[in-house]
PDB file of N, CA and C in Angstrom:
ATOM      1  N   UNK A   1       5.737   3.460  -4.023  1.00  0.00           N
ATOM      2  CA  UNK A   1       6.632   3.442  -2.886  1.00  0.00           C
ATOM      3  C   UNK A   1       7.886   4.219  -3.260  1.00  0.00           C
ATOM      4  N   UNK A   2       8.245   5.204  -2.477  1.00  0.00           N
ATOM      5  CA  UNK A   2       9.456   5.968  -2.783  1.00  0.00           C
ATOM      6  C   UNK A   2      10.692   5.069  -2.746  1.00  0.00           C
ATOM      7  N   UNK A   3      11.704   5.375  -3.557  1.00  0.00           N
ATOM      8  CA  UNK A   3      12.912   4.544  -3.596  1.00  0.00           C
ATOM      9  C   UNK A   3      13.539   4.326  -2.231  1.00  0.00           C
ATOM     10  N   UNK A   4      13.457   5.320  -1.362  1.00  0.00           N
ATOM     11  CA  UNK A   4      14.070   5.153  -0.043  1.00  0.00           C
ATOM     12  C   UNK A   4      13.329   4.110   0.796  1.00  0.00           C
ATOM     13  N   UNK A   5      12.062   3.822   0.480  1.00  0.00           N
ATOM     14  CA  UNK A   5      11.297   2.833   1.228  1.00  0.00           C
ATOM     15  C   UNK A   5      11.649   1.406   0.830  1.00  0.00           C
ATOM     16  N   UNK A   6      11.772   1.127  -0.473  1.00  0.00           N
ATOM     17  CA  UNK A   6      12.032  -0.256  -0.855  1.00  0.00           C
ATOM     18  C   UNK A   6      13.457  -0.678  -0.564  1.00  0.00           C
ATOM     19  N   UNK A   7      14.322   0.267  -0.259  1.00  0.00           N
ATOM     20  CA  UNK A   7      15.695  -0.057   0.101  1.00  0.00           C
ATOM     21  C   UNK A   7      15.896  -0.306   1.585  1.00  0.00           C
ATOM     22  N   UNK A   8      14.839  -0.229   2.352  1.00  0.00           N
ATOM     23  CA  UNK A   8      14.963  -0.401   3.798  1.00  0.00           C
ATOM     24  C   UNK A   8      15.403  -1.823   4.154  1.00  0.00           C
ATOM     25  N   UNK A   9      16.325  -1.945   5.107  1.00  0.00           N
ATOM     26  CA  UNK A   9      16.815  -3.268   5.507  1.00  0.00           C
ATOM     27  C   UNK A   9      15.714  -4.208   6.025  1.00  0.00           C
ATOM     28  N   UNK A  10      14.603  -3.656   6.527  1.00  0.00           N
ATOM     29  CA  UNK A  10      13.560  -4.527   7.065  1.00  0.00           C
ATOM     30  C   UNK A  10      12.969  -5.443   5.996  1.00  0.00           C
ATOM     31  N   UNK A  11      13.132  -5.103   4.715  1.00  0.00           N
ATOM     32  CA  UNK A  11      12.610  -5.928   3.633  1.00  0.00           C
ATOM     33  C   UNK A  11      13.612  -6.997   3.169  1.00  0.00           C
ATOM     34  N   UNK A  12      14.860  -6.920   3.650  1.00  0.00           N
ATOM     35  CA  UNK A  12      15.900  -7.847   3.205  1.00  0.00           C
ATOM     36  C   UNK A  12      15.556  -9.301   3.488  1.00  0.00           C
ATOM     37  N   UNK A  13      14.833  -9.558   4.553  1.00  0.00           N
ATOM     38  CA  UNK A  13      14.524 -10.953   4.890  1.00  0.00           C
ATOM     39  C   UNK A  13      13.507 -11.563   3.920  1.00  0.00           C
ATOM     40  N   UNK A  14      12.831 -10.723   3.156  1.00  0.00           N
ATOM     41  CA  UNK A  14      11.833 -11.208   2.204  1.00  0.00           C
ATOM     42  C   UNK A  14      12.385 -11.300   0.787  1.00  0.00           C
ATOM     43  N   UNK A  15      13.011 -10.223   0.345  1.00  0.00           N
ATOM     44  CA  UNK A  15      13.538 -10.140  -1.024  1.00  0.00           C
ATOM     45  C   UNK A  15      14.799  -9.292  -1.022  1.00  0.00           C
ATOM     46  N   UNK A  16      15.728  -9.635  -1.909  1.00  0.00           N
ATOM     47  CA  UNK A  16      16.934  -8.811  -2.024  1.00  0.00           C
ATOM     48  C   UNK A  16      16.564  -7.456  -2.623  1.00  0.00           C
ATOM     49  N   UNK A  17      17.447  -6.496  -2.488  1.00  0.00           N
ATOM     50  CA  UNK A  17      17.207  -5.173  -3.070  1.00  0.00           C
ATOM     51  C   UNK A  17      17.034  -5.291  -4.585  1.00  0.00           C
ATOM     52  N   UNK A  18      17.821  -6.137  -5.216  1.00  0.00           N
ATOM     53  CA  UNK A  18      17.719  -6.319  -6.664  1.00  0.00           C
ATOM     54  C   UNK A  18      16.354  -6.890  -7.046  1.00  0.00           C
ATOM     55  N   UNK A  19      15.849  -7.834  -6.262  1.00  0.00           N
ATOM     56  CA  UNK A  19      14.528  -8.410  -6.536  1.00  0.00           C
ATOM     57  C   UNK A  19      13.436  -7.358  -6.379  1.00  0.00           C
ATOM     58  N   UNK A  20      13.541  -6.548  -5.336  1.00  0.00           N
ATOM     59  CA  UNK A  20      12.542  -5.487  -5.115  1.00  0.00           C
ATOM     60  C   UNK A  20      12.566  -4.480  -6.263  1.00  0.00           C
ATOM     61  N   UNK A  21      13.760  -4.107  -6.697  1.00  0.00           N
ATOM     62  CA  UNK A  21      13.871  -3.162  -7.806  1.00  0.00           C
ATOM     63  C   UNK A  21      13.269  -3.744  -9.082  1.00  0.00           C
ATOM     64  N   UNK A  22      13.504  -5.034  -9.338  1.00  0.00           N
ATOM     65  CA  UNK A  22      12.962  -5.675 -10.542  1.00  0.00           C
ATOM     66  C   UNK A  22      11.440  -5.740 -10.480  1.00  0.00           C
ATOM     67  N   UNK A  23      10.891  -6.071  -9.325  1.00  0.00           N
ATOM     68  CA  UNK A  23       9.436  -6.136  -9.172  1.00  0.00           C
ATOM     69  C   UNK A  23       8.821  -4.758  -9.399  1.00  0.00           C
ATOM     70  N   UNK A  24       9.400  -3.743  -8.781  1.00  0.00           N
ATOM     71  CA  UNK A  24       8.863  -2.390  -8.938  1.00  0.00           C
ATOM     72  C   UNK A  24       8.999  -1.911 -10.383  1.00  0.00           C
ATOM     73  N   UNK A  25      10.067  -2.279 -11.044  1.00  0.00           N
ATOM     74  CA  UNK A  25      10.238  -1.921 -12.456  1.00  0.00           C
ATOM     75  C   UNK A  25       9.128  -2.547 -13.296  1.00  0.00           C
ATOM     76  N   UNK A  26       8.885  -3.842 -13.071  1.00  0.00           N
ATOM     77  CA  UNK A  26       7.839  -4.541 -13.831  1.00  0.00           C
ATOM     78  C   UNK A  26       6.451  -3.991 -13.512  1.00  0.00           C
ATOM     79  N   UNK A  27       6.210  -3.709 -12.244  1.00  0.00           N
ATOM     80  CA  UNK A  27       4.901  -3.199 -11.852  1.00  0.00           C
ATOM     81  C   UNK A  27       4.648  -1.810 -12.407  1.00  0.00           C
ATOM     82  N   UNK A  28       5.700  -1.025 -12.570  1.00  0.00           N
ATOM     83  CA  UNK A  28       5.506   0.337 -13.070  1.00  0.00           C
ATOM     84  C   UNK A  28       4.943   0.351 -14.490  1.00  0.00           C
ATOM     85  N   UNK A  29       5.133  -0.746 -15.214  1.00  0.00           N
ATOM     86  CA  UNK A  29       4.608  -0.828 -16.585  1.00  0.00           C
ATOM     87  C   UNK A  29       3.091  -0.984 -16.600  1.00  0.00           C
ATOM     88  N   UNK A  30       2.520  -1.522 -15.532  1.00  0.00           N
ATOM     89  CA  UNK A  30       1.076  -1.773 -15.502  1.00  0.00           C
ATOM     90  C   UNK A  30       0.370  -1.005 -14.386  1.00  0.00           C
ATOM     91  N   UNK A  31       1.127  -0.231 -13.643  1.00  0.00           N
ATOM     92  CA  UNK A  31       0.560   0.479 -12.500  1.00  0.00           C
ATOM     93  C   UNK A  31      -0.302   1.657 -12.933  1.00  0.00           C
ATOM     94  N   UNK A  32      -1.270   1.955 -12.122  1.00  0.00           N
ATOM     95  CA  UNK A  32      -2.080   3.155 -12.303  1.00  0.00           C
ATOM     96  C   UNK A  32      -1.522   4.199 -11.353  1.00  0.00           C
ATOM     97  N   UNK A  33      -0.970   5.258 -11.905  1.00  0.00           N
ATOM     98  CA  UNK A  33      -0.392   6.317 -11.082  1.00  0.00           C
ATOM     99  C   UNK A  33      -1.470   7.340 -10.796  1.00  0.00           C
ATOM    100  N   UNK A  34      -1.655   7.658  -9.521  1.00  0.00           N
ATOM    101  CA  UNK A  34      -2.699   8.598  -9.120  1.00  0.00           C
ATOM    102  C   UNK A  34      -2.106   9.730  -8.300  1.00  0.00           C
ATOM    103  N   UNK A  35      -2.775  10.852  -8.359  1.00  0.00           N
ATOM    104  CA  UNK A  35      -2.445  12.001  -7.525  1.00  0.00           C
ATOM    105  C   UNK A  35      -3.708  12.357  -6.768  1.00  0.00           C
ATOM    106  N   UNK A  36      -3.759  12.019  -5.484  1.00  0.00           N
ATOM    107  CA  UNK A  36      -4.979  12.312  -4.729  1.00  0.00           C
ATOM    108  C   UNK A  36      -5.185  13.807  -4.561  1.00  0.00           C
ATOM    109  N   UNK A  37      -6.423  14.193  -4.467  1.00  0.00           N
ATOM    110  CA  UNK A  37      -6.812  15.585  -4.218  1.00  0.00           C
ATOM    111  C   UNK A  37      -7.455  15.647  -2.850  1.00  0.00           C
ATOM    112  N   UNK A  38      -6.974  16.353  -1.887  1.00  0.00           N
ATOM    113  CA  UNK A  38      -5.716  17.110  -1.884  1.00  0.00           C
ATOM    114  C   UNK A  38      -4.522  16.164  -1.861  1.00  0.00           C
ATOM    115  N   UNK A  39      -3.351  16.669  -2.229  1.00  0.00           N
ATOM    116  CA  UNK A  39      -2.165  15.815  -2.179  1.00  0.00           C
ATOM    117  C   UNK A  39      -1.985  15.234  -0.777  1.00  0.00           C
ATOM    118  N   UNK A  40      -1.500  14.015  -0.703  1.00  0.00           N
ATOM    119  CA  UNK A  40      -1.316  13.352   0.583  1.00  0.00           C
ATOM    120  C   UNK A  40      -0.458  14.195   1.515  1.00  0.00           C
ATOM    121  N   UNK A  41       0.526  14.887   0.976  1.00  0.00           N
ATOM    122  CA  UNK A  41       1.404  15.697   1.821  1.00  0.00           C
ATOM    123  C   UNK A  41       0.658  16.874   2.439  1.00  0.00           C
ATOM    124  N   UNK A  42      -0.496  17.246   1.878  1.00  0.00           N
ATOM    125  CA  UNK A  42      -1.264  18.376   2.407  1.00  0.00           C
ATOM    126  C   UNK A  42      -2.244  17.952   3.496  1.00  0.00           C
ATOM    127  N   UNK A  43      -2.425  16.655   3.684  1.00  0.00           N
ATOM    128  CA  UNK A  43      -3.365  16.172   4.696  1.00  0.00           C
ATOM    129  C   UNK A  43      -2.680  16.255   6.053  1.00  0.00           C
ATOM    130  N   UNK A  44      -3.265  17.016   6.946  1.00  0.00           N
ATOM    131  CA  UNK A  44      -2.609  17.258   8.230  1.00  0.00           C
ATOM    132  C   UNK A  44      -3.307  16.591   9.404  1.00  0.00           C
ATOM    133  N   UNK A  45      -4.516  16.111   9.222  1.00  0.00           N
ATOM    134  CA  UNK A  45      -5.200  15.441  10.318  1.00  0.00           C
ATOM    135  C   UNK A  45      -5.418  13.985   9.956  1.00  0.00           C
ATOM    136  N   UNK A  46      -5.349  13.150  10.973  1.00  0.00           N
ATOM    137  CA  UNK A  46      -5.498  11.722  10.750  1.00  0.00           C
ATOM    138  C   UNK A  46      -6.782  11.229  11.393  1.00  0.00           C
ATOM    139  N   UNK A  47      -7.478  10.342  10.694  1.00  0.00           N
ATOM    140  CA  UNK A  47      -8.656   9.717  11.281  1.00  0.00           C
ATOM    141  C   UNK A  47      -8.379   8.244  11.568  1.00  0.00           C
ATOM    142  N   UNK A  48      -7.134   7.843  11.371  1.00  0.00           N
ATOM    143  CA  UNK A  48      -6.747   6.455  11.536  1.00  0.00           C
ATOM    144  C   UNK A  48      -5.858   6.284  12.756  1.00  0.00           C
ATOM    145  N   UNK A  49      -5.642   5.044  13.181  1.00  0.00           N
ATOM    146  CA  UNK A  49      -4.850   4.773  14.389  1.00  0.00           C
ATOM    147  C   UNK A  49      -3.410   5.226  14.250  1.00  0.00           C
ATOM    148  N   UNK A  50      -2.844   5.081  13.064  1.00  0.00           N
ATOM    149  CA  UNK A  50      -1.453   5.452  12.841  1.00  0.00           C
ATOM    150  C   UNK A  50      -1.404   6.476  11.715  1.00  0.00           C
ATOM    151  N   UNK A  51      -1.121   7.724  12.036  1.00  0.00           N
ATOM    152  CA  UNK A  51      -1.095   8.775  11.006  1.00  0.00           C
ATOM    153  C   UNK A  51      -0.144   8.483   9.854  1.00  0.00           C
ATOM    154  N   UNK A  52       0.890   7.678  10.085  1.00  0.00           N
ATOM    155  CA  UNK A  52       1.815   7.335   9.008  1.00  0.00           C
ATOM    156  C   UNK A  52       1.151   6.485   7.931  1.00  0.00           C
ATOM    157  N   UNK A  53       0.007   5.863   8.256  1.00  0.00           N
ATOM    158  CA  UNK A  53      -0.710   5.029   7.287  1.00  0.00           C
ATOM    159  C   UNK A  53      -1.620   5.840   6.370  1.00  0.00           C
ATOM    160  N   UNK A  54      -1.895   7.062   6.730  1.00  0.00           N
ATOM    161  CA  UNK A  54      -2.826   7.887   5.954  1.00  0.00           C
ATOM    162  C   UNK A  54      -2.485   7.924   4.475  1.00  0.00           C
ATOM    163  N   UNK A  55      -1.210   8.111   4.158  1.00  0.00           N
ATOM    164  CA  UNK A  55      -0.812   8.259   2.756  1.00  0.00           C
ATOM    165  C   UNK A  55      -1.188   7.030   1.938  1.00  0.00           C
ATOM    166  N   UNK A  56      -1.052   5.841   2.513  1.00  0.00           N
ATOM    167  CA  UNK A  56      -1.377   4.619   1.780  1.00  0.00           C
ATOM    168  C   UNK A  56      -2.882   4.483   1.577  1.00  0.00           C
ATOM    169  N   UNK A  57      -3.626   4.826   2.595  1.00  0.00           N
ATOM    170  CA  UNK A  57      -5.083   4.733   2.515  1.00  0.00           C
ATOM    171  C   UNK A  57      -5.618   5.752   1.510  1.00  0.00           C
ATOM    172  N   UNK A  58      -5.136   6.986   1.579  1.00  0.00           N
ATOM    173  CA  UNK A  58      -5.596   8.023   0.660  1.00  0.00           C
ATOM    174  C   UNK A  58      -5.223   7.693  -0.790  1.00  0.00           C
ATOM    175  N   UNK A  59      -4.038   7.143  -0.997  1.00  0.00           N
ATOM    176  CA  UNK A  59      -3.642   6.773  -2.352  1.00  0.00           C
ATOM    177  C   UNK A  59      -4.494   5.624  -2.883  1.00  0.00           C
ATOM    178  N   UNK A  60      -4.779   4.629  -2.044  1.00  0.00           N
ATOM    179  CA  UNK A  60      -5.625   3.513  -2.472  1.00  0.00           C
ATOM    180  C   UNK A  60      -7.028   4.005  -2.814  1.00  0.00           C
ATOM    181  N   UNK A  61      -7.558   4.919  -2.015  1.00  0.00           N
ATOM    182  CA  UNK A  61      -8.882   5.473  -2.297  1.00  0.00           C
ATOM    183  C   UNK A  61      -8.867   6.297  -3.578  1.00  0.00           C
ATOM    184  N   UNK A  62      -7.823   7.094  -3.780  1.00  0.00           N
ATOM    185  CA  UNK A  62      -7.730   7.918  -4.991  1.00  0.00           C
ATOM    186  C   UNK A  62      -7.634   7.047  -6.243  1.00  0.00           C
ATOM    187  N   UNK A  63      -6.966   5.900  -6.114  1.00  0.00           N
ATOM    188  CA  UNK A  63      -6.829   4.995  -7.243  1.00  0.00           C
ATOM    189  C   UNK A  63      -7.998   4.035  -7.395  1.00  0.00           C
ATOM    190  N   UNK A  64      -8.999   4.197  -6.531  1.00  0.00           N
ATOM    191  CA  UNK A  64     -10.185   3.342  -6.565  1.00  0.00           C
ATOM    192  C   UNK A  64      -9.815   1.859  -6.471  1.00  0.00           C
ATOM    193  N   UNK A  65      -8.835   1.572  -5.611  1.00  0.00           N
ATOM    194  CA  UNK A  65      -8.405   0.192  -5.398  1.00  0.00           C
ATOM    195  C   UNK A  65      -9.498  -0.580  -4.675  1.00  0.00           C
ATOM    196  N   UNK A  66      -9.639  -1.836  -5.018  1.00  0.00           N
ATOM    197  CA  UNK A  66     -10.584  -2.706  -4.314  1.00  0.00           C
ATOM    198  C   UNK A  66      -9.966  -3.195  -3.010  1.00  0.00           C
ATOM    199  N   UNK A  67      -8.665  -3.442  -3.035  1.00  0.00           N
ATOM    200  CA  UNK A  67      -7.948  -3.953  -1.871  1.00  0.00           C
ATOM    201  C   UNK A  67      -6.733  -3.092  -1.567  1.00  0.00           C
ATOM    202  N   UNK A  68      -6.424  -2.984  -0.297  1.00  0.00           N
ATOM    203  CA  UNK A  68      -5.136  -2.480   0.160  1.00  0.00           C
ATOM    204  C   UNK A  68      -4.519  -3.674   0.878  1.00  0.00           C
ATOM    205  N   UNK A  69      -3.416  -4.176   0.361  1.00  0.00           N
ATOM    206  CA  UNK A  69      -2.787  -5.382   0.892  1.00  0.00           C
ATOM    207  C   UNK A  69      -1.647  -4.972   1.809  1.00  0.00           C
ATOM    208  N   UNK A  70      -1.705  -5.437   3.056  1.00  0.00           N
ATOM    209  CA  UNK A  70      -0.732  -5.022   4.058  1.00  0.00           C
ATOM    210  C   UNK A  70      -0.599  -6.053   5.163  1.00  0.00           C
ATOM    211  N   UNK A  71       0.504  -5.968   5.867  1.00  0.00           N
ATOM    212  CA  UNK A  71       0.687  -6.752   7.079  1.00  0.00           C
ATOM    213  C   UNK A  71       0.614  -5.862   8.305  1.00  0.00           C
ATOM    214  N   UNK A  72       0.378  -4.564   8.087  1.00  0.00           N
ATOM    215  CA  UNK A  72       0.329  -3.585   9.168  1.00  0.00           C
ATOM    216  C   UNK A  72      -0.951  -3.760   9.982  1.00  0.00           C
ATOM    217  N   UNK A  73      -0.796  -4.041  11.253  1.00  0.00           N
ATOM    218  CA  UNK A  73      -1.949  -4.326  12.115  1.00  0.00           C
ATOM    219  C   UNK A  73      -2.867  -3.119  12.309  1.00  0.00           C
ATOM    220  N   UNK A  74      -2.314  -1.922  12.306  1.00  0.00           N
ATOM    221  CA  UNK A  74      -3.160  -0.732  12.437  1.00  0.00           C
ATOM    222  C   UNK A  74      -4.097  -0.594  11.249  1.00  0.00           C
ATOM    223  N   UNK A  75      -3.574  -0.861  10.058  1.00  0.00           N
ATOM    224  CA  UNK A  75      -4.431  -0.780   8.869  1.00  0.00           C
ATOM    225  C   UNK A  75      -5.406  -1.945   8.811  1.00  0.00           C
ATOM    226  N   UNK A  76      -4.943  -3.140   9.155  1.00  0.00           N
ATOM    227  CA  UNK A  76      -5.827  -4.313   9.120  1.00  0.00           C
ATOM    228  C   UNK A  76      -6.989  -4.162  10.093  1.00  0.00           C
ATOM    229  N   UNK A  77      -6.782  -3.459  11.186  1.00  0.00           N
ATOM    230  CA  UNK A  77      -7.854  -3.243  12.162  1.00  0.00           C
ATOM    231  C   UNK A  77      -8.988  -2.408  11.575  1.00  0.00           C
ATOM    232  N   UNK A  78      -8.688  -1.623  10.536  1.00  0.00           N
ATOM    233  CA  UNK A  78      -9.713  -0.798   9.900  1.00  0.00           C
ATOM    234  C   UNK A  78     -10.675  -1.637   9.064  1.00  0.00           C
ATOM    235  N   UNK A  79     -10.162  -2.742   8.471  1.00  0.00           N
ATOM    236  CA  UNK A  79     -10.954  -3.687   7.697  1.00  0.00           C
ATOM    237  C   UNK A  79     -11.502  -3.095   6.396  1.00  0.00           C
ATOM    238  N   UNK A  80     -12.396  -2.121   6.474  1.00  0.00           N
ATOM    239  CA  UNK A  80     -12.979  -1.464   5.292  1.00  0.00           C
ATOM    240  C   UNK A  80     -12.981   0.050   5.497  1.00  0.00           C
ATOM    241  N   UNK A  81     -12.722   0.761   4.439  1.00  0.00           N
ATOM    242  CA  UNK A  81     -12.899   2.214   4.413  1.00  0.00           C
ATOM    243  C   UNK A  81     -13.540   2.515   3.072  1.00  0.00           C
ATOM    244  N   UNK A  82     -14.724   3.060   3.114  1.00  0.00           N
ATOM    245  CA  UNK A  82     -15.494   3.305   1.894  1.00  0.00           C
ATOM    246  C   UNK A  82     -15.588   1.993   1.113  1.00  0.00           C
ATOM    247  N   UNK A  83     -15.140   1.958  -0.146  1.00  0.00           N
ATOM    248  CA  UNK A  83     -15.190   0.725  -0.935  1.00  0.00           C
ATOM    249  C   UNK A  83     -13.860  -0.024  -0.931  1.00  0.00           C
ATOM    250  N   UNK A  84     -12.966   0.346  -0.049  1.00  0.00           N
ATOM    251  CA  UNK A  84     -11.642  -0.238   0.037  1.00  0.00           C
ATOM    252  C   UNK A  84     -11.613  -1.303   1.131  1.00  0.00           C
ATOM    253  N   UNK A  85     -11.220  -2.511   0.748  1.00  0.00           N
ATOM    254  CA  UNK A  85     -11.077  -3.594   1.723  1.00  0.00           C
ATOM    255  C   UNK A  85      -9.595  -3.742   2.046  1.00  0.00           C
ATOM    256  N   UNK A  86      -9.266  -3.821   3.321  1.00  0.00           N
ATOM    257  CA  UNK A  86      -7.882  -3.922   3.758  1.00  0.00           C
ATOM    258  C   UNK A  86      -7.638  -5.369   4.175  1.00  0.00           C
ATOM    259  N   UNK A  87      -6.726  -6.046   3.444  1.00  0.00           N
ATOM    260  CA  UNK A  87      -6.503  -7.470   3.647  1.00  0.00           C
ATOM    261  C   UNK A  87      -5.016  -7.791   3.750  1.00  0.00           C
ATOM    262  N   UNK A  88      -4.723  -8.989   4.242  1.00  0.00           N
ATOM    263  CA  UNK A  88      -3.336  -9.450   4.364  1.00  0.00           C
ATOM    264  C   UNK A  88      -2.850 -10.013   3.032  1.00  0.00           C
ATOM    265  N   UNK A  89      -1.534 -10.136   2.863  1.00  0.00           N
ATOM    266  CA  UNK A  89      -1.026 -10.779   1.655  1.00  0.00           C
ATOM    267  C   UNK A  89      -1.570 -12.205   1.487  1.00  0.00           C
ATOM    268  N   UNK A  90      -1.700 -12.950   2.581  1.00  0.00           N
ATOM    269  CA  UNK A  90      -2.228 -14.314   2.497  1.00  0.00           C
ATOM    270  C   UNK A  90      -3.672 -14.313   1.987  1.00  0.00           C
ATOM    271  N   UNK A  91      -4.471 -13.370   2.468  1.00  0.00           N
ATOM    272  CA  UNK A  91      -5.855 -13.276   1.983  1.00  0.00           C
ATOM    273  C   UNK A  91      -5.894 -12.930   0.495  1.00  0.00           C
ATOM    274  N   UNK A  92      -5.007 -12.054   0.065  1.00  0.00           N
ATOM    275  CA  UNK A  92      -4.956 -11.683  -1.349  1.00  0.00           C
ATOM    276  C   UNK A  92      -4.584 -12.890  -2.201  1.00  0.00           C
ATOM    277  N   UNK A  93      -3.603 -13.652  -1.768  1.00  0.00           N
ATOM    278  CA  UNK A  93      -3.207 -14.845  -2.526  1.00  0.00           C
ATOM    279  C   UNK A  93      -4.338 -15.862  -2.605  1.00  0.00           C
ATOM    280  N   UNK A  94      -5.040 -16.059  -1.499  1.00  0.00           N
ATOM    281  CA  UNK A  94      -6.187 -16.981  -1.496  1.00  0.00           C
ATOM    282  C   UNK A  94      -7.229 -16.556  -2.528  1.00  0.00           C
ATOM    283  N   UNK A  95      -7.517 -15.279  -2.566  1.00  0.00           N
ATOM    284  CA  UNK A  95      -8.533 -14.775  -3.497  1.00  0.00           C
ATOM    285  C   UNK A  95      -8.068 -14.867  -4.938  1.00  0.00           C
ATOM    286  N   UNK A  96      -6.812 -14.600  -5.186  1.00  0.00           N
ATOM    287  CA  UNK A  96      -6.289 -14.670  -6.546  1.00  0.00           C
ATOM    288  C   UNK A  96      -6.265 -16.116  -7.034  1.00  0.00           C
ATOM    289  N   UNK A  97      -5.944 -17.033  -6.150  1.00  0.00           N
ATOM    290  CA  UNK A  97      -5.863 -18.449  -6.532  1.00  0.00           C
ATOM    291  C   UNK A  97      -7.229 -19.099  -6.667  1.00  0.00           C
ATOM    292  N   UNK A  98      -8.257 -18.498  -6.066  1.00  0.00           N
ATOM    293  CA  UNK A  98      -9.599 -19.094  -6.092  1.00  0.00           C
ATOM    294  C   UNK A  98     -10.267 -18.906  -7.453  1.00  0.00           C
TER     295      UNK A  98
END
């Protein structure tokens, strides 16, 4: 997530900016960084309901993620793309706790 995204006020109701920065710092130590081919910025056509979601879907596919965790209804409506399952944070927590 680009720095300008995690600083958005819409996230303030969930976590403070300092908490978000700390989480991203910790996650960067274990994250798998991927560069999709073609680069996400080069993709000009969308096959999804919301073209703004393309970058997240393409990055998850490039990283061979099993899940894409989101609250975005446009992405959740897709359910599965290739081997990628699109689930809510609550569903992810249920699976992790099981």
